[in-house]
Amino acid sequence: MGKRVLLADDDQLLASLLNFRLKKSGYDVHHSSNGKEVKEYLKTERPDIIVSDIMMPYFSGIELIDFVRNELKLNTPIIIISSAGNEQNVLSAFELGANDFITKPVSPTELLVRVGREINK
């Protein structure tokens, strides 16, 4: 079984593309399209890495970082992807404990490199 990736993004087209590329590279991917699904998944599962959009229904990527770091107390690597790449979002993500930040449009190849780098640290 490959390393487990939690992919959280409500953009179905992008999520399908990233899901396909990650699976093709040997990762076991779980996709959630909103923050409620992410929280439910994380109550019972421990992915090796989390890739999350900032803007999601019910629970933002920023709230997700806070939940993972401060409530669950996990050191799971988190990569944030967002079209909202303004400086405040980037700073908030890093201050809360994100490991990396990629501005959309996301290159699937770049994402694979960054996921591999974080998982193999």
C-alpha atoms as a PDB file:
ATOM      1  CA  MET A   1       0.000   0.000   0.000  1.00  0.00           C
ATOM      2  CA  GLY A   2       1.296   3.451  -0.913  1.00  0.00           C
ATOM      3  CA  LYS A   3       1.574   6.480   1.292  1.00  0.00           C
ATOM      4  CA  ARG A   4      -1.825   7.940   2.167  1.00  0.00           C
ATOM      5  CA  VAL A   5      -2.786  11.397   0.893  1.00  0.00           C
ATOM      6  CA  LEU A   6      -5.823  13.332   2.080  1.00  0.00           C
ATOM      7  CA  LEU A   7      -6.815  15.630  -0.792  1.00  0.00           C
ATOM      8  CA  ALA A   8      -9.293  18.309   0.300  1.00  0.00           C
ATOM      9  CA  ASP A   9     -10.596  20.514  -2.502  1.00  0.00           C
ATOM     10  CA  ASP A  10     -14.101  21.438  -3.637  1.00  0.00           C
ATOM     11  CA  ASP A  11     -12.958  22.061  -7.236  1.00  0.00           C
ATOM     12  CA  GLN A  12     -14.022  18.705  -8.696  1.00  0.00           C
ATOM     13  CA  LEU A  13     -12.088  19.072 -11.957  1.00  0.00           C
ATOM     14  CA  LEU A  14      -8.802  19.933 -10.237  1.00  0.00           C
ATOM     15  CA  ALA A  15      -9.365  17.289  -7.550  1.00  0.00           C
ATOM     16  CA  SER A  16      -9.972  14.628 -10.224  1.00  0.00           C
ATOM     17  CA  LEU A  17      -6.773  15.592 -12.050  1.00  0.00           C
ATOM     18  CA  LEU A  18      -4.647  15.640  -8.877  1.00  0.00           C
ATOM     19  CA  ASN A  19      -6.261  12.437  -7.607  1.00  0.00           C
ATOM     20  CA  PHE A  20      -5.432  10.678 -10.890  1.00  0.00           C
ATOM     21  CA  ARG A  21      -1.807  11.870 -10.909  1.00  0.00           C
ATOM     22  CA  LEU A  22      -1.236  10.998  -7.247  1.00  0.00           C
ATOM     23  CA  LYS A  23      -2.728   7.505  -7.662  1.00  0.00           C
ATOM     24  CA  LYS A  24      -0.715   6.970 -10.857  1.00  0.00           C
ATOM     25  CA  SER A  25       2.407   7.758  -8.805  1.00  0.00           C
ATOM     26  CA  GLY A  26       1.546   5.113  -6.219  1.00  0.00           C
ATOM     27  CA  TYR A  27      -0.238   7.137  -3.551  1.00  0.00           C
ATOM     28  CA  ASP A  28      -3.420   5.972  -1.825  1.00  0.00           C
ATOM     29  CA  VAL A  29      -5.686   9.032  -2.111  1.00  0.00           C
ATOM     30  CA  HIS A  30      -8.782   9.952  -0.129  1.00  0.00           C
ATOM     31  CA  HIS A  31     -10.649  12.956  -1.567  1.00  0.00           C
ATOM     32  CA  SER A  32     -12.937  15.176   0.489  1.00  0.00           C
ATOM     33  CA  SER A  33     -14.794  18.064  -1.120  1.00  0.00           C
ATOM     34  CA  ASN A  34     -15.621  20.012   2.040  1.00  0.00           C
ATOM     35  CA  GLY A  35     -14.400  20.654   5.552  1.00  0.00           C
ATOM     36  CA  LYS A  36     -17.052  18.495   7.250  1.00  0.00           C
ATOM     37  CA  GLU A  37     -15.850  15.429   5.324  1.00  0.00           C
ATOM     38  CA  VAL A  38     -12.241  16.257   6.221  1.00  0.00           C
ATOM     39  CA  LYS A  39     -13.004  16.451   9.954  1.00  0.00           C
ATOM     40  CA  GLU A  40     -14.957  13.179   9.868  1.00  0.00           C
ATOM     41  CA  TYR A  41     -12.135  11.432   7.990  1.00  0.00           C
ATOM     42  CA  LEU A  42      -9.486  12.705  10.407  1.00  0.00           C
ATOM     43  CA  LYS A  43     -11.427  11.407  13.421  1.00  0.00           C
ATOM     44  CA  THR A  44     -10.535   7.851  12.407  1.00  0.00           C
ATOM     45  CA  GLU A  45      -7.769   8.031   9.785  1.00  0.00           C
ATOM     46  CA  ARG A  46      -4.188   9.310   9.792  1.00  0.00           C
ATOM     47  CA  PRO A  47      -2.953  10.216   6.322  1.00  0.00           C
ATOM     48  CA  ASP A  48       0.771  10.594   5.657  1.00  0.00           C
ATOM     49  CA  ILE A  49       0.154  14.053   4.159  1.00  0.00           C
ATOM     50  CA  ILE A  50      -2.716  16.506   3.728  1.00  0.00           C
ATOM     51  CA  VAL A  51      -3.153  18.599   0.571  1.00  0.00           C
ATOM     52  CA  SER A  52      -5.900  21.181   1.077  1.00  0.00           C
ATOM     53  CA  ASP A  53      -7.446  24.153  -0.655  1.00  0.00           C
ATOM     54  CA  ILE A  54      -7.924  27.258   1.502  1.00  0.00           C
ATOM     55  CA  MET A  55     -11.461  28.031   0.307  1.00  0.00           C
ATOM     56  CA  MET A  56     -13.772  25.091   1.089  1.00  0.00           C
ATOM     57  CA  PRO A  57     -17.374  24.834   2.269  1.00  0.00           C
ATOM     58  CA  TYR A  58     -17.974  24.483   6.040  1.00  0.00           C
ATOM     59  CA  PHE A  59     -14.325  24.529   7.140  1.00  0.00           C
ATOM     60  CA  SER A  60     -11.478  26.427   5.472  1.00  0.00           C
ATOM     61  CA  GLY A  61      -7.946  25.214   4.867  1.00  0.00           C
ATOM     62  CA  ILE A  62      -6.758  27.669   7.522  1.00  0.00           C
ATOM     63  CA  GLU A  63      -9.214  26.142  10.023  1.00  0.00           C
ATOM     64  CA  LEU A  64      -8.035  22.696   8.942  1.00  0.00           C
ATOM     65  CA  ILE A  65      -4.414  23.538   9.778  1.00  0.00           C
ATOM     66  CA  ASP A  66      -5.507  24.806  13.198  1.00  0.00           C
ATOM     67  CA  PHE A  67      -7.606  21.655  13.780  1.00  0.00           C
ATOM     68  CA  VAL A  68      -4.776  19.283  12.813  1.00  0.00           C
ATOM     69  CA  ARG A  69      -2.050  21.107  14.748  1.00  0.00           C
ATOM     70  CA  ASN A  70      -3.916  22.298  17.856  1.00  0.00           C
ATOM     71  CA  GLU A  71      -6.830  19.895  18.396  1.00  0.00           C
ATOM     72  CA  LEU A  72      -5.500  16.620  16.974  1.00  0.00           C
ATOM     73  CA  LYS A  73      -1.883  17.529  17.844  1.00  0.00           C
ATOM     74  CA  LEU A  74      -0.578  15.911  14.640  1.00  0.00           C
ATOM     75  CA  ASN A  75       2.661  16.714  12.823  1.00  0.00           C
ATOM     76  CA  THR A  76       1.266  15.444   9.507  1.00  0.00           C
ATOM     77  CA  PRO A  77       2.738  17.518   6.664  1.00  0.00           C
ATOM     78  CA  ILE A  78       0.187  19.959   5.212  1.00  0.00           C
ATOM     79  CA  ILE A  79       0.419  21.528   1.763  1.00  0.00           C
ATOM     80  CA  ILE A  80      -2.056  24.334   1.087  1.00  0.00           C
ATOM     81  CA  ILE A  81      -3.170  25.052  -2.473  1.00  0.00           C
ATOM     82  CA  SER A  82      -5.175  28.156  -3.274  1.00  0.00           C
ATOM     83  CA  SER A  83      -6.053  30.696  -5.892  1.00  0.00           C
ATOM     84  CA  ALA A  84      -6.271  33.142  -2.991  1.00  0.00           C
ATOM     85  CA  GLY A  85      -2.507  33.471  -2.793  1.00  0.00           C
ATOM     86  CA  ASN A  86      -2.563  36.822  -1.069  1.00  0.00           C
ATOM     87  CA  GLU A  87       0.128  37.469   1.481  1.00  0.00           C
ATOM     88  CA  GLN A  88      -2.221  37.281   4.501  1.00  0.00           C
ATOM     89  CA  ASN A  89      -3.439  33.785   3.557  1.00  0.00           C
ATOM     90  CA  VAL A  90       0.113  32.589   3.016  1.00  0.00           C
ATOM     91  CA  LEU A  91       1.298  34.040   6.334  1.00  0.00           C
ATOM     92  CA  SER A  92      -1.704  32.644   8.227  1.00  0.00           C
ATOM     93  CA  ALA A  93      -1.128  29.189   6.743  1.00  0.00           C
ATOM     94  CA  PHE A  94       2.548  29.156   7.716  1.00  0.00           C
ATOM     95  CA  GLU A  95       1.940  30.665  11.175  1.00  0.00           C
ATOM     96  CA  LEU A  96      -0.526  27.871  11.960  1.00  0.00           C
ATOM     97  CA  GLY A  97       1.878  25.178  10.817  1.00  0.00           C
ATOM     98  CA  ALA A  98       1.482  24.553   7.087  1.00  0.00           C
ATOM     99  CA  ASN A  99       4.577  22.993   5.530  1.00  0.00           C
ATOM    100  CA  ASP A 100       4.127  24.382   2.017  1.00  0.00           C
ATOM    101  CA  PHE A 101       1.864  26.654  -0.047  1.00  0.00           C
ATOM    102  CA  ILE A 102       1.165  26.397  -3.782  1.00  0.00           C
ATOM    103  CA  THR A 103      -0.773  29.035  -5.706  1.00  0.00           C
ATOM    104  CA  LYS A 104      -3.322  27.838  -8.272  1.00  0.00           C
ATOM    105  CA  PRO A 105      -3.219  26.942 -11.073  1.00  0.00           C
ATOM    106  CA  VAL A 106      -1.414  23.914  -9.662  1.00  0.00           C
ATOM    107  CA  SER A 107       0.947  21.917 -11.826  1.00  0.00           C
ATOM    108  CA  PRO A 108       0.310  18.235 -10.993  1.00  0.00           C
ATOM    109  CA  THR A 109       4.012  17.533 -11.548  1.00  0.00           C
ATOM    110  CA  GLU A 110       5.023  20.276  -9.106  1.00  0.00           C
ATOM    111  CA  LEU A 111       2.527  18.955  -6.557  1.00  0.00           C
ATOM    112  CA  LEU A 112       3.966  15.431  -6.876  1.00  0.00           C
ATOM    113  CA  VAL A 113       7.471  16.758  -6.250  1.00  0.00           C
ATOM    114  CA  ARG A 114       6.349  18.736  -3.198  1.00  0.00           C
ATOM    115  CA  VAL A 115       4.309  15.824  -1.774  1.00  0.00           C
ATOM    116  CA  GLY A 116       7.272  13.482  -2.239  1.00  0.00           C
ATOM    117  CA  ARG A 117       9.622  15.965  -0.580  1.00  0.00           C
ATOM    118  CA  GLU A 118       7.367  16.382   2.487  1.00  0.00           C
ATOM    119  CA  ILE A 119       6.611  12.678   2.919  1.00  0.00           C
ATOM    120  CA  ASN A 120      10.263  11.676   2.649  1.00  0.00           C
ATOM    121  CA  LYS A 121      11.670  14.216   5.117  1.00  0.00           C
END
